[in-house]
Amino acid sequence: MISYGTSTGRITLRSDRGVLWIKLEREPQSADIVNCLRDAFAAGLVPTASPTVVDLLDFSGTIDWPAVRIIRGMLPADRGTEIGREVAPPSQRIAYVTRDPLFDTVLKIIGDLFGFARHRYFRDPERALLWACQSEPAGPVEDEDEEG
């Protein structure tokens, strides 16, 4: 587990049973987010194509897009694609857990920046984990609104 931040904001990253878990709490500093992910890549905690769950339920900060681009630049060369272009069909699933009703717009931008993966948001962490761990090909991006 790698964790950066203070009581005003924190990022925690861990790998558990083949699932990468990233939790953002309150208002973490952009430098803490970048450093946490840099350390995780260096430690081998970010396996290629692992299911990922990003927990944003306690996140109250803003998105620092320059920091997002720095993180994108950390990806291995074979996973980085031109923005908006996929070289191969995405196989990794990244599930975001948030109650932000406007996250759909953010998700579209993230999908363009990280086109090697399927991205979907959920309100329920269990549903996010189930979707992220599915082994069949990811279907079209859908809203999580169907509470079924």
C-alpha atoms as a PDB file:
ATOM      1  CA  MET A   1       0.000   0.000   0.000  1.00  0.00           C
ATOM      2  CA  ILE A   2       1.176   3.493  -0.837  1.00  0.00           C
ATOM      3  CA  SER A   3      -0.398   6.567   0.701  1.00  0.00           C
ATOM      4  CA  TYR A   4       0.337  10.263   0.346  1.00  0.00           C
ATOM      5  CA  GLY A   5      -1.296  13.273   1.948  1.00  0.00           C
ATOM      6  CA  THR A   6      -2.458  14.758   5.204  1.00  0.00           C
ATOM      7  CA  SER A   7      -5.730  15.118   7.074  1.00  0.00           C
ATOM      8  CA  THR A   8      -6.842  17.708   4.497  1.00  0.00           C
ATOM      9  CA  GLY A   9      -6.512  15.290   1.604  1.00  0.00           C
ATOM     10  CA  ARG A  10      -5.073  11.870   0.859  1.00  0.00           C
ATOM     11  CA  ILE A  11      -4.571   9.320  -1.917  1.00  0.00           C
ATOM     12  CA  THR A  12      -4.161   5.647  -1.071  1.00  0.00           C
ATOM     13  CA  LEU A  13      -3.254   2.980  -3.599  1.00  0.00           C
ATOM     14  CA  ARG A  14      -3.176  -0.753  -2.978  1.00  0.00           C
ATOM     15  CA  SER A  15      -3.251  -3.954  -4.950  1.00  0.00           C
ATOM     16  CA  ASP A  16      -5.402  -6.726  -3.486  1.00  0.00           C
ATOM     17  CA  ARG A  17      -6.114 -10.077  -5.179  1.00  0.00           C
ATOM     18  CA  GLY A  18      -5.310  -8.716  -8.616  1.00  0.00           C
ATOM     19  CA  VAL A  19      -7.444  -5.570  -8.252  1.00  0.00           C
ATOM     20  CA  LEU A  20      -5.895  -2.120  -8.095  1.00  0.00           C
ATOM     21  CA  TRP A  21      -7.704   0.118  -5.589  1.00  0.00           C
ATOM     22  CA  ILE A  22      -7.216   3.890  -5.631  1.00  0.00           C
ATOM     23  CA  LYS A  23      -8.967   6.002  -3.005  1.00  0.00           C
ATOM     24  CA  LEU A  24      -9.032   9.788  -3.041  1.00  0.00           C
ATOM     25  CA  GLU A  25     -10.190  11.508   0.142  1.00  0.00           C
ATOM     26  CA  ARG A  26     -11.097  15.144   0.647  1.00  0.00           C
ATOM     27  CA  GLU A  27      -8.720  17.444  -1.312  1.00  0.00           C
ATOM     28  CA  PRO A  28      -5.412  15.691  -2.009  1.00  0.00           C
ATOM     29  CA  GLN A  29      -2.635  17.816  -3.463  1.00  0.00           C
ATOM     30  CA  SER A  30      -1.855  17.158  -7.123  1.00  0.00           C
ATOM     31  CA  ALA A  31       1.775  16.472  -6.218  1.00  0.00           C
ATOM     32  CA  ASP A  32       0.659  13.770  -3.763  1.00  0.00           C
ATOM     33  CA  ILE A  33      -1.451  12.082  -6.449  1.00  0.00           C
ATOM     34  CA  VAL A  34       1.365  12.168  -9.003  1.00  0.00           C
ATOM     35  CA  ASN A  35       3.973  10.963  -6.482  1.00  0.00           C
ATOM     36  CA  CYS A  36       1.760   8.142  -5.236  1.00  0.00           C
ATOM     37  CA  LEU A  37       1.203   6.835  -8.748  1.00  0.00           C
ATOM     38  CA  ARG A  38       4.877   7.310  -9.669  1.00  0.00           C
ATOM     39  CA  ASP A  39       5.890   5.234  -6.615  1.00  0.00           C
ATOM     40  CA  ALA A  40       3.254   2.613  -7.465  1.00  0.00           C
ATOM     41  CA  PHE A  41       4.600   2.229 -11.015  1.00  0.00           C
ATOM     42  CA  ALA A  42       8.166   2.022  -9.690  1.00  0.00           C
ATOM     43  CA  ALA A  43       7.160  -0.630  -7.127  1.00  0.00           C
ATOM     44  CA  GLY A  44       5.304  -2.693  -9.730  1.00  0.00           C
ATOM     45  CA  LEU A  45       1.947  -2.221  -7.980  1.00  0.00           C
ATOM     46  CA  VAL A  46       0.205  -1.226 -11.203  1.00  0.00           C
ATOM     47  CA  PRO A  47      -0.032  -4.451 -13.204  1.00  0.00           C
ATOM     48  CA  THR A  48      -0.880  -4.206 -16.873  1.00  0.00           C
ATOM     49  CA  ALA A  49      -4.590  -4.570 -17.585  1.00  0.00           C
ATOM     50  CA  SER A  50      -5.570  -5.191 -13.981  1.00  0.00           C
ATOM     51  CA  PRO A  51      -9.136  -4.355 -12.974  1.00  0.00           C
ATOM     52  CA  THR A  52      -9.117  -1.008 -11.205  1.00  0.00           C
ATOM     53  CA  VAL A  53     -11.557   0.659  -8.819  1.00  0.00           C
ATOM     54  CA  VAL A  54     -11.162   4.387  -8.133  1.00  0.00           C
ATOM     55  CA  ASP A  55     -13.086   5.386  -5.000  1.00  0.00           C
ATOM     56  CA  LEU A  56     -14.124   9.045  -5.171  1.00  0.00           C
ATOM     57  CA  LEU A  57     -16.913   8.892  -2.591  1.00  0.00           C
ATOM     58  CA  ASP A  58     -14.994  11.063  -0.102  1.00  0.00           C
ATOM     59  CA  PHE A  59     -13.263  13.207  -2.751  1.00  0.00           C
ATOM     60  CA  SER A  60     -14.141  16.898  -2.601  1.00  0.00           C
ATOM     61  CA  GLY A  61     -11.275  18.381  -4.597  1.00  0.00           C
ATOM     62  CA  THR A  62     -10.986  19.471  -8.187  1.00  0.00           C
ATOM     63  CA  ILE A  63      -9.383  17.687 -11.115  1.00  0.00           C
ATOM     64  CA  ASP A  64      -5.951  19.010 -12.011  1.00  0.00           C
ATOM     65  CA  TRP A  65      -5.797  18.221 -15.739  1.00  0.00           C
ATOM     66  CA  PRO A  66      -2.046  18.948 -16.092  1.00  0.00           C
ATOM     67  CA  ALA A  67      -1.460  16.353 -13.325  1.00  0.00           C
ATOM     68  CA  VAL A  68      -3.698  13.886 -15.195  1.00  0.00           C
ATOM     69  CA  ARG A  69      -1.509  14.346 -18.279  1.00  0.00           C
ATOM     70  CA  ILE A  70       1.641  13.754 -16.197  1.00  0.00           C
ATOM     71  CA  ILE A  71       0.120  10.494 -14.938  1.00  0.00           C
ATOM     72  CA  ARG A  72      -0.762   9.512 -18.505  1.00  0.00           C
ATOM     73  CA  GLY A  73       2.875  10.097 -19.417  1.00  0.00           C
ATOM     74  CA  MET A  74       3.943   7.543 -16.777  1.00  0.00           C
ATOM     75  CA  LEU A  75       2.238   4.721 -18.639  1.00  0.00           C
ATOM     76  CA  PRO A  76       4.412   2.163 -20.388  1.00  0.00           C
ATOM     77  CA  ALA A  77       4.901   3.008 -24.066  1.00  0.00           C
ATOM     78  CA  ASP A  78       2.758   0.086 -25.272  1.00  0.00           C
ATOM     79  CA  ARG A  79      -0.241   1.357 -23.274  1.00  0.00           C
ATOM     80  CA  GLY A  80      -0.082   4.990 -24.316  1.00  0.00           C
ATOM     81  CA  THR A  81      -2.083   5.707 -27.423  1.00  0.00           C
ATOM     82  CA  GLU A  82      -2.692   8.917 -29.236  1.00  0.00           C
ATOM     83  CA  ILE A  83      -5.399  10.868 -27.508  1.00  0.00           C
ATOM     84  CA  GLY A  84      -8.758   9.855 -28.908  1.00  0.00           C
ATOM     85  CA  ARG A  85      -7.321   6.895 -30.878  1.00  0.00           C
ATOM     86  CA  GLU A  86      -7.202   3.312 -29.734  1.00  0.00           C
ATOM     87  CA  VAL A  87      -4.644   0.958 -31.225  1.00  0.00           C
ATOM     88  CA  ALA A  88      -6.471  -2.161 -30.025  1.00  0.00           C
ATOM     89  CA  PRO A  89      -9.844  -2.705 -28.350  1.00  0.00           C
ATOM     90  CA  PRO A  90      -9.627  -1.723 -24.697  1.00  0.00           C
ATOM     91  CA  SER A  91      -9.392  -4.677 -22.343  1.00  0.00           C
ATOM     92  CA  GLN A  92      -8.721  -3.120 -18.941  1.00  0.00           C
ATOM     93  CA  ARG A  93     -11.715  -1.928 -16.955  1.00  0.00           C
ATOM     94  CA  ILE A  94     -11.487   1.066 -14.656  1.00  0.00           C
ATOM     95  CA  ALA A  95     -14.535   1.634 -12.455  1.00  0.00           C
ATOM     96  CA  TYR A  96     -15.059   4.917 -10.640  1.00  0.00           C
ATOM     97  CA  VAL A  97     -17.242   5.150  -7.540  1.00  0.00           C
ATOM     98  CA  THR A  98     -18.822   8.570  -7.133  1.00  0.00           C
ATOM     99  CA  ARG A  99     -22.121  10.210  -6.365  1.00  0.00           C
ATOM    100  CA  ASP A 100     -21.294  13.258  -8.504  1.00  0.00           C
ATOM    101  CA  PRO A 101     -24.109  13.608 -11.068  1.00  0.00           C
ATOM    102  CA  LEU A 102     -21.782  15.512 -13.430  1.00  0.00           C
ATOM    103  CA  PHE A 103     -19.077  12.826 -13.522  1.00  0.00           C
ATOM    104  CA  ASP A 104     -20.289  11.546 -16.896  1.00  0.00           C
ATOM    105  CA  THR A 105     -18.639  14.538 -18.602  1.00  0.00           C
ATOM    106  CA  VAL A 106     -15.375  13.922 -16.745  1.00  0.00           C
ATOM    107  CA  LEU A 107     -15.541  10.252 -17.703  1.00  0.00           C
ATOM    108  CA  LYS A 108     -15.693  11.103 -21.409  1.00  0.00           C
ATOM    109  CA  ILE A 109     -12.519  13.179 -21.147  1.00  0.00           C
ATOM    110  CA  ILE A 110     -10.754  10.476 -19.133  1.00  0.00           C
ATOM    111  CA  GLY A 111     -11.785   7.920 -21.746  1.00  0.00           C
ATOM    112  CA  ASP A 112     -10.134  10.013 -24.459  1.00  0.00           C
ATOM    113  CA  LEU A 113      -6.932  10.413 -22.447  1.00  0.00           C
ATOM    114  CA  PHE A 114      -6.738   6.770 -21.361  1.00  0.00           C
ATOM    115  CA  GLY A 115      -8.165   4.984 -24.396  1.00  0.00           C
ATOM    116  CA  PHE A 116      -6.508   1.644 -23.555  1.00  0.00           C
ATOM    117  CA  ALA A 117      -9.221   0.955 -20.967  1.00  0.00           C
ATOM    118  CA  ARG A 118     -12.990   0.914 -20.561  1.00  0.00           C
ATOM    119  CA  HIS A 119     -14.246   3.474 -18.055  1.00  0.00           C
ATOM    120  CA  ARG A 120     -17.552   3.447 -16.225  1.00  0.00           C
ATOM    121  CA  TYR A 121     -18.834   5.074 -13.069  1.00  0.00           C
ATOM    122  CA  PHE A 122     -20.989   3.642 -10.311  1.00  0.00           C
ATOM    123  CA  ARG A 123     -22.602   4.819  -7.123  1.00  0.00           C
ATOM    124  CA  ASP A 124     -22.134   1.448  -5.435  1.00  0.00           C
ATOM    125  CA  PRO A 125     -18.606   0.073  -4.764  1.00  0.00           C
ATOM    126  CA  GLU A 126     -19.747  -3.559  -5.043  1.00  0.00           C
ATOM    127  CA  ARG A 127     -21.218  -3.035  -8.505  1.00  0.00           C
ATOM    128  CA  ALA A 128     -18.047  -1.195  -9.526  1.00  0.00           C
ATOM    129  CA  LEU A 129     -15.882  -4.117  -8.423  1.00  0.00           C
ATOM    130  CA  LEU A 130     -18.075  -6.693 -10.174  1.00  0.00           C
ATOM    131  CA  TRP A 131     -17.961  -4.771 -13.443  1.00  0.00           C
ATOM    132  CA  ALA A 132     -14.199  -4.114 -13.225  1.00  0.00           C
ATOM    133  CA  CYS A 133     -13.502  -7.829 -12.714  1.00  0.00           C
ATOM    134  CA  GLN A 134     -15.672  -9.145 -15.547  1.00  0.00           C
ATOM    135  CA  SER A 135     -13.635 -11.208 -17.969  1.00  0.00           C
ATOM    136  CA  GLU A 136     -15.826 -10.989 -21.059  1.00  0.00           C
ATOM    137  CA  PRO A 137     -15.182  -8.090 -23.429  1.00  0.00           C
ATOM    138  CA  ALA A 138     -16.422  -4.784 -22.150  1.00  0.00           C
ATOM    139  CA  GLY A 139     -19.585  -3.618 -23.826  1.00  0.00           C
ATOM    140  CA  PRO A 140     -20.449  -0.081 -24.818  1.00  0.00           C
ATOM    141  CA  VAL A 141     -20.031   2.597 -22.206  1.00  0.00           C
ATOM    142  CA  GLU A 142     -23.267   2.884 -20.278  1.00  0.00           C
ATOM    143  CA  ASP A 143     -24.560   5.025 -17.481  1.00  0.00           C
ATOM    144  CA  GLU A 144     -24.744   3.376 -14.118  1.00  0.00           C
ATOM    145  CA  ASP A 145     -28.204   4.765 -13.559  1.00  0.00           C
ATOM    146  CA  GLU A 146     -29.963   1.427 -14.080  1.00  0.00           C
ATOM    147  CA  GLU A 147     -30.148   0.473 -10.427  1.00  0.00           C
ATOM    148  CA  GLY A 148     -31.646  -3.017 -11.152  1.00  0.00           C
END
